[in-house]
C-alpha atoms as a PDB file:
ATOM      1  CA  UNK A   1     -11.268  15.758  -4.221  1.00  0.00           C
ATOM      2  CA  UNK A   2      -7.329  14.358  -4.852  1.00  0.00           C
ATOM      3  CA  UNK A   3      -7.596  12.910  -8.290  1.00  0.00           C
ATOM      4  CA  UNK A   4      -7.262   9.178  -8.530  1.00  0.00           C
ATOM      5  CA  UNK A   5      -4.120   8.170  -9.560  1.00  0.00           C
ATOM      6  CA  UNK A   6      -3.871   5.613 -13.050  1.00  0.00           C
ATOM      7  CA  UNK A   7      -3.620   1.929 -12.496  1.00  0.00           C
ATOM      8  CA  UNK A   8       0.023   2.199 -13.855  1.00  0.00           C
ATOM      9  CA  UNK A   9       0.147   4.931 -11.216  1.00  0.00           C
ATOM     10  CA  UNK A  10      -0.851   2.692  -8.502  1.00  0.00           C
ATOM     11  CA  UNK A  11       2.050  -0.328  -9.091  1.00  0.00           C
ATOM     12  CA  UNK A  12       4.273  -0.444  -5.791  1.00  0.00           C
ATOM     13  CA  UNK A  13       6.821  -3.120  -4.761  1.00  0.00           C
ATOM     14  CA  UNK A  14       6.600  -5.413  -1.680  1.00  0.00           C
ATOM     15  CA  UNK A  15       8.899  -7.222  -0.357  1.00  0.00           C
ATOM     16  CA  UNK A  16       8.443 -11.314   0.064  1.00  0.00           C
ATOM     17  CA  UNK A  17       9.689 -13.396   2.669  1.00  0.00           C
ATOM     18  CA  UNK A  18       9.118 -17.056   2.679  1.00  0.00           C
ATOM     19  CA  UNK A  19      10.114 -19.137   5.872  1.00  0.00           C
ATOM     20  CA  UNK A  20      12.850 -20.490   4.019  1.00  0.00           C
ATOM     21  CA  UNK A  21      14.840 -17.177   4.225  1.00  0.00           C
ATOM     22  CA  UNK A  22      13.854 -16.522   0.356  1.00  0.00           C
ATOM     23  CA  UNK A  23      13.437 -13.209  -0.846  1.00  0.00           C
ATOM     24  CA  UNK A  24      11.921 -11.654  -3.504  1.00  0.00           C
ATOM     25  CA  UNK A  25      10.016  -8.783  -4.806  1.00  0.00           C
ATOM     26  CA  UNK A  26       6.371  -9.004  -6.029  1.00  0.00           C
ATOM     27  CA  UNK A  27       4.674  -6.235  -8.022  1.00  0.00           C
ATOM     28  CA  UNK A  28       1.226  -5.451  -6.334  1.00  0.00           C
ATOM     29  CA  UNK A  29      -1.687  -2.491  -6.806  1.00  0.00           C
ATOM     30  CA  UNK A  30      -1.706   0.004  -4.567  1.00  0.00           C
ATOM     31  CA  UNK A  31      -5.774  -0.176  -3.608  1.00  0.00           C
ATOM     32  CA  UNK A  32      -6.003   2.051  -0.411  1.00  0.00           C
ATOM     33  CA  UNK A  33      -3.515   4.104   2.225  1.00  0.00           C
ATOM     34  CA  UNK A  34      -5.245   5.254   5.577  1.00  0.00           C
ATOM     35  CA  UNK A  35      -2.928   8.049   6.819  1.00  0.00           C
ATOM     36  CA  UNK A  36      -3.181  10.884   9.768  1.00  0.00           C
ATOM     37  CA  UNK A  37      -3.286  14.201   7.789  1.00  0.00           C
ATOM     38  CA  UNK A  38      -0.673  15.439  10.456  1.00  0.00           C
ATOM     39  CA  UNK A  39       2.409  17.272   9.269  1.00  0.00           C
ATOM     40  CA  UNK A  40       4.130  14.416   9.398  1.00  0.00           C
ATOM     41  CA  UNK A  41       1.250  11.960   7.313  1.00  0.00           C
ATOM     42  CA  UNK A  42       1.787   9.329   9.918  1.00  0.00           C
ATOM     43  CA  UNK A  43       1.064   6.159   8.144  1.00  0.00           C
ATOM     44  CA  UNK A  44      -1.759   3.592   9.487  1.00  0.00           C
ATOM     45  CA  UNK A  45      -2.229   1.167   6.521  1.00  0.00           C
ATOM     46  CA  UNK A  46      -2.060   0.125   3.284  1.00  0.00           C
ATOM     47  CA  UNK A  47      -4.576  -2.510   1.067  1.00  0.00           C
ATOM     48  CA  UNK A  48      -2.817  -4.172  -1.721  1.00  0.00           C
ATOM     49  CA  UNK A  49      -3.345  -6.507  -4.008  1.00  0.00           C
ATOM     50  CA  UNK A  50      -0.515  -8.733  -5.865  1.00  0.00           C
ATOM     51  CA  UNK A  51       0.008  -8.250  -9.435  1.00  0.00           C
ATOM     52  CA  UNK A  52       0.926 -11.386 -10.390  1.00  0.00           C
ATOM     53  CA  UNK A  53      -1.269 -13.962  -7.761  1.00  0.00           C
ATOM     54  CA  UNK A  54      -4.938 -13.999  -8.276  1.00  0.00           C
ATOM     55  CA  UNK A  55      -7.286 -12.553  -5.681  1.00  0.00           C
ATOM     56  CA  UNK A  56      -4.588 -12.131  -3.138  1.00  0.00           C
ATOM     57  CA  UNK A  57      -5.022  -9.337  -0.836  1.00  0.00           C
ATOM     58  CA  UNK A  58      -2.809  -8.014   1.889  1.00  0.00           C
ATOM     59  CA  UNK A  59      -4.008  -5.703   4.454  1.00  0.00           C
ATOM     60  CA  UNK A  60      -0.947  -4.119   5.953  1.00  0.00           C
ATOM     61  CA  UNK A  61      -0.301  -2.339   9.399  1.00  0.00           C
ATOM     62  CA  UNK A  62       2.704   0.321   9.642  1.00  0.00           C
ATOM     63  CA  UNK A  63       5.033  -1.759  11.636  1.00  0.00           C
ATOM     64  CA  UNK A  64       6.868   1.493  14.024  1.00  0.00           C
ATOM     65  CA  UNK A  65      10.150  -0.098  14.630  1.00  0.00           C
ATOM     66  CA  UNK A  66      10.508  -1.336  10.682  1.00  0.00           C
ATOM     67  CA  UNK A  67       9.252   2.048   9.192  1.00  0.00           C
ATOM     68  CA  UNK A  68       7.777   0.186   6.732  1.00  0.00           C
ATOM     69  CA  UNK A  69       4.268  -1.596   6.214  1.00  0.00           C
ATOM     70  CA  UNK A  70       4.210  -5.145   6.792  1.00  0.00           C
ATOM     71  CA  UNK A  71       1.822  -8.341   7.784  1.00  0.00           C
ATOM     72  CA  UNK A  72       2.530 -11.863   7.932  1.00  0.00           C
ATOM     73  CA  UNK A  73       0.026 -14.646   6.053  1.00  0.00           C
ATOM     74  CA  UNK A  74       0.741 -18.084   6.185  1.00  0.00           C
ATOM     75  CA  UNK A  75       4.295 -18.139   7.553  1.00  0.00           C
ATOM     76  CA  UNK A  76       5.593 -15.728   4.398  1.00  0.00           C
ATOM     77  CA  UNK A  77       6.627 -11.995   5.724  1.00  0.00           C
ATOM     78  CA  UNK A  78       5.504  -9.207   3.391  1.00  0.00           C
ATOM     79  CA  UNK A  79       7.245  -5.537   3.756  1.00  0.00           C
ATOM     80  CA  UNK A  80       6.054  -2.518   1.557  1.00  0.00           C
ATOM     81  CA  UNK A  81       9.228  -1.435  -0.523  1.00  0.00           C
ATOM     82  CA  UNK A  82       8.302   2.196  -1.848  1.00  0.00           C
ATOM     83  CA  UNK A  83       7.786   5.196  -1.023  1.00  0.00           C
ATOM     84  CA  UNK A  84       4.265   6.111   0.710  1.00  0.00           C
ATOM     85  CA  UNK A  85       4.663   9.682   0.942  1.00  0.00           C
ATOM     86  CA  UNK A  86       4.633   9.824  -2.928  1.00  0.00           C
ATOM     87  CA  UNK A  87       0.674   8.752  -2.679  1.00  0.00           C
ATOM     88  CA  UNK A  88      -0.269  11.788  -0.090  1.00  0.00           C
ATOM     89  CA  UNK A  89      -1.523  14.905  -1.230  1.00  0.00           C
ATOM     90  CA  UNK A  90       0.670  17.492   0.405  1.00  0.00           C
ATOM     91  CA  UNK A  91      -2.392  19.575   1.633  1.00  0.00           C
ATOM     92  CA  UNK A  92      -4.341  17.150   3.685  1.00  0.00           C
ATOM     93  CA  UNK A  93      -5.503  18.182   7.074  1.00  0.00           C
ATOM     94  CA  UNK A  94      -6.570  15.904   9.732  1.00  0.00           C
ATOM     95  CA  UNK A  95      -7.368  11.913   9.754  1.00  0.00           C
ATOM     96  CA  UNK A  96      -8.324  10.430   6.172  1.00  0.00           C
ATOM     97  CA  UNK A  97      -7.423   7.779   3.189  1.00  0.00           C
ATOM     98  CA  UNK A  98      -7.415   7.340  -0.353  1.00  0.00           C
ATOM     99  CA  UNK A  99      -8.336   4.383  -2.479  1.00  0.00           C
ATOM    100  CA  UNK A 100      -9.088   4.069  -6.027  1.00  0.00           C
ATOM    101  CA  UNK A 101     -12.177   4.846  -7.731  1.00  0.00           C
ATOM    102  CA  UNK A 102     -15.064   2.620  -8.156  1.00  0.00           C
ATOM    103  CA  UNK A 103     -15.077   0.717 -11.350  1.00  0.00           C
ATOM    104  CA  UNK A 104     -18.364   2.347 -12.239  1.00  0.00           C
ATOM    105  CA  UNK A 105     -16.594   5.443 -11.694  1.00  0.00           C
ATOM    106  CA  UNK A 106     -13.103   4.707 -13.115  1.00  0.00           C
ATOM    107  CA  UNK A 107     -12.152   6.450 -16.885  1.00  0.00           C
ATOM    108  CA  UNK A 108      -8.901   4.168 -17.144  1.00  0.00           C
END
């Protein structure tokens, strides 16, 4: 089983674009990542929780045309702004996912 990164190592950048076109970068905790465990680690989706907005979780499917994880919620567009491959163990084969450990099983 792969080691689960600590909280500090799961913080990623998410680009937020409002309906008015205002762009900002938000920090989020990467909670889950699904990829095909093929030679390309083809992405499927991620789940993130925004760091500065209480309880906001985004489920972001892979957008093939953008080459990023992306979603829209309440007129606001969200796009991943990080290299997802840094979270994929190189030894994976087959289909699978990575997620943070349950609170009861964490040491950090």
